[in-house]
Amino acid sequence: MGLSVAFSPVGYSVLSCSVDSSVRIWDISSGQCIKTLQGHTHWVYAVTFSPDGQTLASSSSDQTVRLWDISSGKCLYFFLDHTSFVRFVSFFPLGLILASGSDDSSVILWDISSSKCLKILQGHANRICSVAFSPDGQTLASGSGDSSVKLWDINSGKCIYTLQGHINWVHSVAFGSNGQTLVSSGDDNTIKLWDIKTGECVKTLRCDHPYERMNITGVKGLTEAEITTLKALGAVEE
């Protein structure tokens, strides 16, 4: 089962990673697997190319982040500072820094040239599901199982804002091209747009649930489990 894919910023190749512990590089034109990268010892959750397309990073439930050379397929470095599953990795826009988010509730910034930990960003109360750099590389966003999004200053490592609004896990975060807007999506079935300067939610996007606003008050024959499920799908009791 594949868990993540990524397009190369140069050329015609795609990355994939899987529960079989491997990372694969695919040629788009031929549809053939060019290389299979082995080294992780458990599920590989995320893969990403460096901005120049020369290296790739992968993160795994073996608690490591690995940096690979695209040409040779060799592992250049592996990072060990996380203490639980590593869910996500993201490159700094200039490729000098790598960010990783883990089930240990931390985000770590890594210096690619020295393979050393630069900073550990702590403040979330649950796993980190997603991380993303702003286009100018000065801010990092993290989405967490604690239902919040945090914005971090890369230079100081301090949290600038904690964005509250989701009521369940936040699985994905991404910056707009102008760097002024952040989008997040969560298990609460909403997508939220945030103003980076103020930390305020400017818009919430949501599709209706299958049973949105269906009134089940007094309906007979439903078990408690069924009522709970219907409410989760939008039904109401008044």
C-alpha atoms as a PDB file:
ATOM      1  CA  MET A   1       0.000   0.000   0.000  1.00  0.00           C
ATOM      2  CA  GLY A   2       1.416   3.360  -1.051  1.00  0.00           C
ATOM      3  CA  LEU A   3       1.340   6.137   1.558  1.00  0.00           C
ATOM      4  CA  SER A   4       2.808   9.176  -0.211  1.00  0.00           C
ATOM      5  CA  VAL A   5       3.904  10.393  -3.649  1.00  0.00           C
ATOM      6  CA  ALA A   6       5.853  13.389  -4.946  1.00  0.00           C
ATOM      7  CA  PHE A   7       6.734  14.883  -8.323  1.00  0.00           C
ATOM      8  CA  SER A   8      10.315  15.800  -9.140  1.00  0.00           C
ATOM      9  CA  PRO A   9      10.837  19.572  -9.559  1.00  0.00           C
ATOM     10  CA  VAL A  10      13.104  18.719 -12.508  1.00  0.00           C
ATOM     11  CA  GLY A  11      12.815  15.943 -15.080  1.00  0.00           C
ATOM     12  CA  TYR A  12      10.075  13.367 -15.348  1.00  0.00           C
ATOM     13  CA  SER A  13      10.179  11.223 -12.245  1.00  0.00           C
ATOM     14  CA  VAL A  14       7.874  10.476  -9.341  1.00  0.00           C
ATOM     15  CA  LEU A  15       8.574   9.224  -5.834  1.00  0.00           C
ATOM     16  CA  SER A  16       6.435   6.761  -3.920  1.00  0.00           C
ATOM     17  CA  CYS A  17       6.721   5.156  -0.505  1.00  0.00           C
ATOM     18  CA  SER A  18       4.958   2.214   1.007  1.00  0.00           C
ATOM     19  CA  VAL A  19       4.192  -0.019   3.963  1.00  0.00           C
ATOM     20  CA  ASP A  20       6.791  -2.412   2.507  1.00  0.00           C
ATOM     21  CA  SER A  21       9.503  -0.065   3.926  1.00  0.00           C
ATOM     22  CA  SER A  22      10.744   0.982   0.496  1.00  0.00           C
ATOM     23  CA  VAL A  23      11.017   4.206  -1.475  1.00  0.00           C
ATOM     24  CA  ARG A  24      10.721   3.938  -5.249  1.00  0.00           C
ATOM     25  CA  ILE A  25      11.678   6.307  -8.047  1.00  0.00           C
ATOM     26  CA  TRP A  26       9.555   6.014 -11.186  1.00  0.00           C
ATOM     27  CA  ASP A  27      10.132   7.214 -14.739  1.00  0.00           C
ATOM     28  CA  ILE A  28       6.928   8.888 -15.917  1.00  0.00           C
ATOM     29  CA  SER A  29       7.590   8.337 -19.631  1.00  0.00           C
ATOM     30  CA  SER A  30       8.230   4.603 -19.461  1.00  0.00           C
ATOM     31  CA  GLY A  31       6.208   3.844 -16.338  1.00  0.00           C
ATOM     32  CA  GLN A  32       9.135   1.812 -15.047  1.00  0.00           C
ATOM     33  CA  CYS A  33      10.623   1.790 -11.568  1.00  0.00           C
ATOM     34  CA  ILE A  34      14.124   3.257 -11.919  1.00  0.00           C
ATOM     35  CA  LYS A  35      15.358   2.613  -8.380  1.00  0.00           C
ATOM     36  CA  THR A  36      14.139   0.983  -5.188  1.00  0.00           C
ATOM     37  CA  LEU A  37      15.687   2.520  -2.084  1.00  0.00           C
ATOM     38  CA  GLN A  38      16.011   0.183   0.877  1.00  0.00           C
ATOM     39  CA  GLY A  39      17.047   1.152   4.385  1.00  0.00           C
ATOM     40  CA  HIS A  40      13.957   1.873   6.438  1.00  0.00           C
ATOM     41  CA  THR A  41      12.825  -0.987   8.657  1.00  0.00           C
ATOM     42  CA  HIS A  42       9.121  -0.129   8.865  1.00  0.00           C
ATOM     43  CA  TRP A  43       6.392   1.778   7.011  1.00  0.00           C
ATOM     44  CA  VAL A  44       7.565   4.839   5.092  1.00  0.00           C
ATOM     45  CA  TYR A  45       4.981   7.591   5.601  1.00  0.00           C
ATOM     46  CA  ALA A  46       6.272  10.488   3.507  1.00  0.00           C
ATOM     47  CA  VAL A  47       8.693  11.346   0.716  1.00  0.00           C
ATOM     48  CA  THR A  48       9.732  14.648  -0.818  1.00  0.00           C
ATOM     49  CA  PHE A  49      12.255  15.951  -3.337  1.00  0.00           C
ATOM     50  CA  SER A  50      14.749  18.688  -2.535  1.00  0.00           C
ATOM     51  CA  PRO A  51      14.123  21.902  -4.537  1.00  0.00           C
ATOM     52  CA  ASP A  52      17.014  21.085  -6.917  1.00  0.00           C
ATOM     53  CA  GLY A  53      15.760  17.534  -7.444  1.00  0.00           C
ATOM     54  CA  GLN A  54      19.130  16.015  -6.544  1.00  0.00           C
ATOM     55  CA  THR A  55      18.191  14.490  -3.208  1.00  0.00           C
ATOM     56  CA  LEU A  56      15.082  13.154  -1.521  1.00  0.00           C
ATOM     57  CA  ALA A  57      13.964  12.785   2.060  1.00  0.00           C
ATOM     58  CA  SER A  58      11.809  10.055   3.567  1.00  0.00           C
ATOM     59  CA  SER A  59      10.244   9.574   6.981  1.00  0.00           C
ATOM     60  CA  SER A  60       9.165   6.363   8.619  1.00  0.00           C
ATOM     61  CA  SER A  61       7.538   4.645  11.563  1.00  0.00           C
ATOM     62  CA  ASP A  62      11.024   3.297  12.324  1.00  0.00           C
ATOM     63  CA  GLN A  63      11.469   6.778  13.913  1.00  0.00           C
ATOM     64  CA  THR A  64      14.066   7.918  11.376  1.00  0.00           C
ATOM     65  CA  VAL A  65      14.355  10.462   8.602  1.00  0.00           C
ATOM     66  CA  ARG A  66      16.616   9.511   5.719  1.00  0.00           C
ATOM     67  CA  LEU A  67      18.268  11.650   3.064  1.00  0.00           C
ATOM     68  CA  TRP A  68      19.023   9.939  -0.261  1.00  0.00           C
ATOM     69  CA  ASP A  69      21.102  10.756  -3.326  1.00  0.00           C
ATOM     70  CA  ILE A  70      18.873  10.497  -6.396  1.00  0.00           C
ATOM     71  CA  SER A  71      21.600   9.502  -8.862  1.00  0.00           C
ATOM     72  CA  SER A  72      23.175   6.707  -6.863  1.00  0.00           C
ATOM     73  CA  GLY A  73      20.201   5.697  -4.737  1.00  0.00           C
ATOM     74  CA  LYS A  74      22.459   5.689  -1.678  1.00  0.00           C
ATOM     75  CA  CYS A  75      21.407   6.898   1.755  1.00  0.00           C
ATOM     76  CA  LEU A  76      23.479   9.984   2.597  1.00  0.00           C
ATOM     77  CA  TYR A  77      22.320  10.530   6.171  1.00  0.00           C
ATOM     78  CA  PHE A  78      19.757   9.244   8.591  1.00  0.00           C
ATOM     79  CA  PHE A  79      18.443  11.296  11.485  1.00  0.00           C
ATOM     80  CA  LEU A  80      17.563   9.686  14.792  1.00  0.00           C
ATOM     81  CA  ASP A  81      16.376  12.398  17.189  1.00  0.00           C
ATOM     82  CA  HIS A  82      12.657  11.616  17.029  1.00  0.00           C
ATOM     83  CA  THR A  83      11.295   9.163  19.594  1.00  0.00           C
ATOM     84  CA  SER A  84       8.205   7.975  17.677  1.00  0.00           C
ATOM     85  CA  PHE A  85       6.787   7.579  14.161  1.00  0.00           C
ATOM     86  CA  VAL A  86       7.837  10.362  11.776  1.00  0.00           C
ATOM     87  CA  ARG A  87       4.789  11.306   9.703  1.00  0.00           C
ATOM     88  CA  PHE A  88       5.944  14.119   7.450  1.00  0.00           C
ATOM     89  CA  VAL A  89       8.979  15.835   5.936  1.00  0.00           C
ATOM     90  CA  SER A  90       9.349  19.117   4.072  1.00  0.00           C
ATOM     91  CA  PHE A  91      12.321  20.919   2.522  1.00  0.00           C
ATOM     92  CA  PHE A  92      13.167  24.569   3.100  1.00  0.00           C
ATOM     93  CA  PRO A  93      12.612  26.433  -0.227  1.00  0.00           C
ATOM     94  CA  LEU A  94      16.369  26.745  -0.787  1.00  0.00           C
ATOM     95  CA  GLY A  95      16.977  23.148   0.256  1.00  0.00           C
ATOM     96  CA  LEU A  96      19.318  23.958   3.150  1.00  0.00           C
ATOM     97  CA  ILE A  97      17.002  22.787   5.913  1.00  0.00           C
ATOM     98  CA  LEU A  98      14.653  19.839   6.316  1.00  0.00           C
ATOM     99  CA  ALA A  99      11.673  19.821   8.687  1.00  0.00           C
ATOM    100  CA  SER A 100      10.132  16.652  10.084  1.00  0.00           C
ATOM    101  CA  GLY A 101       7.008  16.107  12.174  1.00  0.00           C
ATOM    102  CA  SER A 102       6.492  13.151  14.462  1.00  0.00           C
ATOM    103  CA  ASP A 103       4.089  11.312  16.750  1.00  0.00           C
ATOM    104  CA  ASP A 104       6.344  12.508  19.585  1.00  0.00           C
ATOM    105  CA  SER A 105       4.581  15.903  19.141  1.00  0.00           C
ATOM    106  CA  SER A 106       7.729  17.679  17.986  1.00  0.00           C
ATOM    107  CA  VAL A 107       8.925  19.297  14.794  1.00  0.00           C
ATOM    108  CA  ILE A 108      12.661  19.074  14.154  1.00  0.00           C
ATOM    109  CA  LEU A 109      14.661  21.304  11.826  1.00  0.00           C
ATOM    110  CA  TRP A 110      17.723  19.596  10.330  1.00  0.00           C
ATOM    111  CA  ASP A 111      20.808  21.154   8.759  1.00  0.00           C
ATOM    112  CA  ILE A 112      21.260  19.257   5.492  1.00  0.00           C
ATOM    113  CA  SER A 113      24.961  20.112   5.062  1.00  0.00           C
ATOM    114  CA  SER A 114      26.022  18.920   8.520  1.00  0.00           C
ATOM    115  CA  SER A 115      23.196  16.390   9.139  1.00  0.00           C
ATOM    116  CA  LYS A 116      22.718  17.937  12.586  1.00  0.00           C
ATOM    117  CA  CYS A 117      19.587  18.928  14.462  1.00  0.00           C
ATOM    118  CA  LEU A 118      19.212  22.719  14.376  1.00  0.00           C
ATOM    119  CA  LYS A 119      16.106  23.180  16.492  1.00  0.00           C
ATOM    120  CA  ILE A 120      13.359  21.163  18.132  1.00  0.00           C
ATOM    121  CA  LEU A 121      10.008  22.937  18.029  1.00  0.00           C
ATOM    122  CA  GLN A 122       7.756  21.870  20.875  1.00  0.00           C
ATOM    123  CA  GLY A 123       4.304  23.023  21.887  1.00  0.00           C
ATOM    124  CA  HIS A 124       1.794  20.660  20.296  1.00  0.00           C
ATOM    125  CA  ALA A 125      -0.052  18.243  22.570  1.00  0.00           C
ATOM    126  CA  ASN A 126      -0.461  15.440  20.036  1.00  0.00           C
ATOM    127  CA  ARG A 127       1.193  13.990  16.949  1.00  0.00           C
ATOM    128  CA  ILE A 128       2.353  16.182  14.076  1.00  0.00           C
ATOM    129  CA  CYS A 129       0.471  15.260  10.910  1.00  0.00           C
ATOM    130  CA  SER A 130       1.851  17.814   8.459  1.00  0.00           C
ATOM    131  CA  VAL A 131       4.495  20.538   8.119  1.00  0.00           C
ATOM    132  CA  ALA A 132       5.044  23.183   5.434  1.00  0.00           C
ATOM    133  CA  PHE A 133       7.462  26.068   4.841  1.00  0.00           C
ATOM    134  CA  SER A 134       6.279  29.467   3.676  1.00  0.00           C
ATOM    135  CA  PRO A 135       7.556  30.451   0.190  1.00  0.00           C
ATOM    136  CA  ASP A 136      10.158  32.801   1.712  1.00  0.00           C
ATOM    137  CA  GLY A 137      11.299  30.114   4.143  1.00  0.00           C
ATOM    138  CA  GLN A 138      10.889  32.328   7.199  1.00  0.00           C
ATOM    139  CA  THR A 139       7.854  30.572   8.662  1.00  0.00           C
ATOM    140  CA  LEU A 140       6.938  26.941   9.226  1.00  0.00           C
ATOM    141  CA  ALA A 141       3.388  25.696   9.725  1.00  0.00           C
ATOM    142  CA  SER A 142       2.535  22.478  11.565  1.00  0.00           C
ATOM    143  CA  GLY A 143      -0.808  20.683  11.787  1.00  0.00           C
ATOM    144  CA  SER A 144      -1.461  18.361  14.698  1.00  0.00           C
ATOM    145  CA  GLY A 145      -3.727  15.810  16.266  1.00  0.00           C
ATOM    146  CA  ASP A 146      -4.366  18.374  19.020  1.00  0.00           C
ATOM    147  CA  SER A 147      -6.682  20.173  16.534  1.00  0.00           C
ATOM    148  CA  SER A 148      -4.400  23.196  16.197  1.00  0.00           C
ATOM    149  CA  VAL A 149      -2.114  24.715  13.608  1.00  0.00           C
ATOM    150  CA  LYS A 150       1.048  26.450  14.780  1.00  0.00           C
ATOM    151  CA  LEU A 151       3.170  28.999  12.937  1.00  0.00           C
ATOM    152  CA  TRP A 152       6.854  29.003  13.848  1.00  0.00           C
ATOM    153  CA  ASP A 153       9.611  31.539  13.270  1.00  0.00           C
ATOM    154  CA  ILE A 154      12.418  29.574  11.635  1.00  0.00           C
ATOM    155  CA  ASN A 155      15.226  31.770  12.948  1.00  0.00           C
ATOM    156  CA  SER A 156      14.189  31.881  16.591  1.00  0.00           C
ATOM    157  CA  GLY A 157      12.296  28.593  16.776  1.00  0.00           C
ATOM    158  CA  LYS A 158       9.483  30.367  18.625  1.00  0.00           C
ATOM    159  CA  CYS A 159       5.779  29.867  18.010  1.00  0.00           C
ATOM    160  CA  ILE A 160       4.304  33.001  16.412  1.00  0.00           C
ATOM    161  CA  TYR A 161       0.643  31.961  16.461  1.00  0.00           C
ATOM    162  CA  THR A 162      -1.459  28.993  17.497  1.00  0.00           C
ATOM    163  CA  LEU A 163      -4.388  28.850  15.098  1.00  0.00           C
ATOM    164  CA  GLN A 164      -7.508  27.495  16.773  1.00  0.00           C
ATOM    165  CA  GLY A 165     -10.701  26.637  14.922  1.00  0.00           C
ATOM    166  CA  HIS A 166     -10.604  22.987  13.938  1.00  0.00           C
ATOM    167  CA  ILE A 167     -12.328  20.618  16.350  1.00  0.00           C
ATOM    168  CA  ASN A 168     -10.480  17.469  15.313  1.00  0.00           C
ATOM    169  CA  TRP A 169      -7.095  16.391  13.961  1.00  0.00           C
ATOM    170  CA  VAL A 170      -5.464  18.688  11.415  1.00  0.00           C
ATOM    171  CA  HIS A 171      -4.021  16.470   8.707  1.00  0.00           C
ATOM    172  CA  SER A 172      -2.689  18.888   6.117  1.00  0.00           C
ATOM    173  CA  VAL A 173      -1.295  22.435   5.888  1.00  0.00           C
ATOM    174  CA  ALA A 174      -0.087  24.420   2.869  1.00  0.00           C
ATOM    175  CA  PHE A 175       0.904  28.007   2.126  1.00  0.00           C
ATOM    176  CA  GLY A 176      -0.497  30.052  -0.728  1.00  0.00           C
ATOM    177  CA  SER A 177       1.972  31.238  -3.375  1.00  0.00           C
ATOM    178  CA  ASN A 178       2.081  34.748  -1.890  1.00  0.00           C
ATOM    179  CA  GLY A 179       2.922  33.414   1.560  1.00  0.00           C
ATOM    180  CA  GLN A 180       0.185  35.488   3.182  1.00  0.00           C
ATOM    181  CA  THR A 181      -2.444  32.753   3.414  1.00  0.00           C
ATOM    182  CA  LEU A 182      -2.336  29.293   4.936  1.00  0.00           C
ATOM    183  CA  VAL A 183      -4.843  26.535   4.255  1.00  0.00           C
ATOM    184  CA  SER A 184      -5.503  23.627   6.624  1.00  0.00           C
ATOM    185  CA  SER A 185      -7.761  20.591   6.505  1.00  0.00           C
ATOM    186  CA  GLY A 186      -8.986  18.463   9.363  1.00  0.00           C
ATOM    187  CA  ASP A 187     -10.984  15.472  10.494  1.00  0.00           C
ATOM    188  CA  ASP A 188     -13.818  17.881  11.291  1.00  0.00           C
ATOM    189  CA  ASN A 189     -14.532  17.889   7.534  1.00  0.00           C
ATOM    190  CA  THR A 190     -13.538  21.534   7.137  1.00  0.00           C
ATOM    191  CA  ILE A 191     -10.913  23.422   5.184  1.00  0.00           C
ATOM    192  CA  LYS A 192      -9.822  26.688   6.768  1.00  0.00           C
ATOM    193  CA  LEU A 193      -8.026  29.678   5.268  1.00  0.00           C
ATOM    194  CA  TRP A 194      -5.874  31.708   7.656  1.00  0.00           C
ATOM    195  CA  ASP A 195      -4.359  35.186   7.466  1.00  0.00           C
ATOM    196  CA  ILE A 196      -0.691  34.724   8.372  1.00  0.00           C
ATOM    197  CA  LYS A 197      -0.216  38.298   9.599  1.00  0.00           C
ATOM    198  CA  THR A 198      -3.104  38.228  12.068  1.00  0.00           C
ATOM    199  CA  GLY A 199      -3.504  34.515  12.754  1.00  0.00           C
ATOM    200  CA  GLU A 200      -7.220  34.825  12.081  1.00  0.00           C
ATOM    201  CA  CYS A 201      -9.393  32.376  10.150  1.00  0.00           C
ATOM    202  CA  VAL A 202     -10.764  34.283   7.147  1.00  0.00           C
ATOM    203  CA  LYS A 203     -12.877  31.530   5.622  1.00  0.00           C
ATOM    204  CA  THR A 204     -14.133  28.017   6.368  1.00  0.00           C
ATOM    205  CA  LEU A 205     -15.021  25.643   3.547  1.00  0.00           C
ATOM    206  CA  ARG A 206     -17.261  22.712   4.266  1.00  0.00           C
ATOM    207  CA  CYS A 207     -19.327  20.198   2.319  1.00  0.00           C
ATOM    208  CA  ASP A 208     -22.615  19.022   3.767  1.00  0.00           C
ATOM    209  CA  HIS A 209     -22.592  15.649   5.484  1.00  0.00           C
ATOM    210  CA  PRO A 210     -24.765  12.875   3.984  1.00  0.00           C
ATOM    211  CA  TYR A 211     -27.400  13.412   6.703  1.00  0.00           C
ATOM    212  CA  GLU A 212     -26.850  17.142   7.234  1.00  0.00           C
ATOM    213  CA  ARG A 213     -29.560  18.694   9.464  1.00  0.00           C
ATOM    214  CA  MET A 214     -31.718  15.540   9.410  1.00  0.00           C
ATOM    215  CA  ASN A 215     -33.803  15.621  12.582  1.00  0.00           C
ATOM    216  CA  ILE A 216     -33.771  12.202  14.278  1.00  0.00           C
ATOM    217  CA  THR A 217     -35.536  13.340  17.458  1.00  0.00           C
ATOM    218  CA  GLY A 218     -37.973  10.663  18.599  1.00  0.00           C
ATOM    219  CA  VAL A 219     -37.036   8.188  15.863  1.00  0.00           C
ATOM    220  CA  LYS A 220     -37.578   4.701  17.283  1.00  0.00           C
ATOM    221  CA  GLY A 221     -35.503   1.585  16.743  1.00  0.00           C
ATOM    222  CA  LEU A 222     -32.086   3.275  16.644  1.00  0.00           C
ATOM    223  CA  THR A 223     -29.319   2.011  18.879  1.00  0.00           C
ATOM    224  CA  GLU A 224     -27.006   4.420  20.675  1.00  0.00           C
ATOM    225  CA  ALA A 225     -24.228   3.476  18.259  1.00  0.00           C
ATOM    226  CA  GLU A 226     -26.448   4.240  15.271  1.00  0.00           C
ATOM    227  CA  ILE A 227     -27.487   7.588  16.738  1.00  0.00           C
ATOM    228  CA  THR A 228     -23.831   8.494  17.316  1.00  0.00           C
ATOM    229  CA  THR A 229     -22.963   7.559  13.737  1.00  0.00           C
ATOM    230  CA  LEU A 230     -25.867   9.543  12.282  1.00  0.00           C
ATOM    231  CA  LYS A 231     -24.881  12.603  14.311  1.00  0.00           C
ATOM    232  CA  ALA A 232     -21.325  12.289  13.044  1.00  0.00           C
ATOM    233  CA  LEU A 233     -22.792  12.358   9.539  1.00  0.00           C
ATOM    234  CA  GLY A 234     -24.764  15.530  10.200  1.00  0.00           C
ATOM    235  CA  ALA A 235     -28.026  14.426  11.815  1.00  0.00           C
ATOM    236  CA  VAL A 236     -29.376  16.365  14.808  1.00  0.00           C
ATOM    237  CA  GLU A 237     -31.493  15.774  17.870  1.00  0.00           C
ATOM    238  CA  GLU A 238     -33.544  18.738  19.056  1.00  0.00           C
END
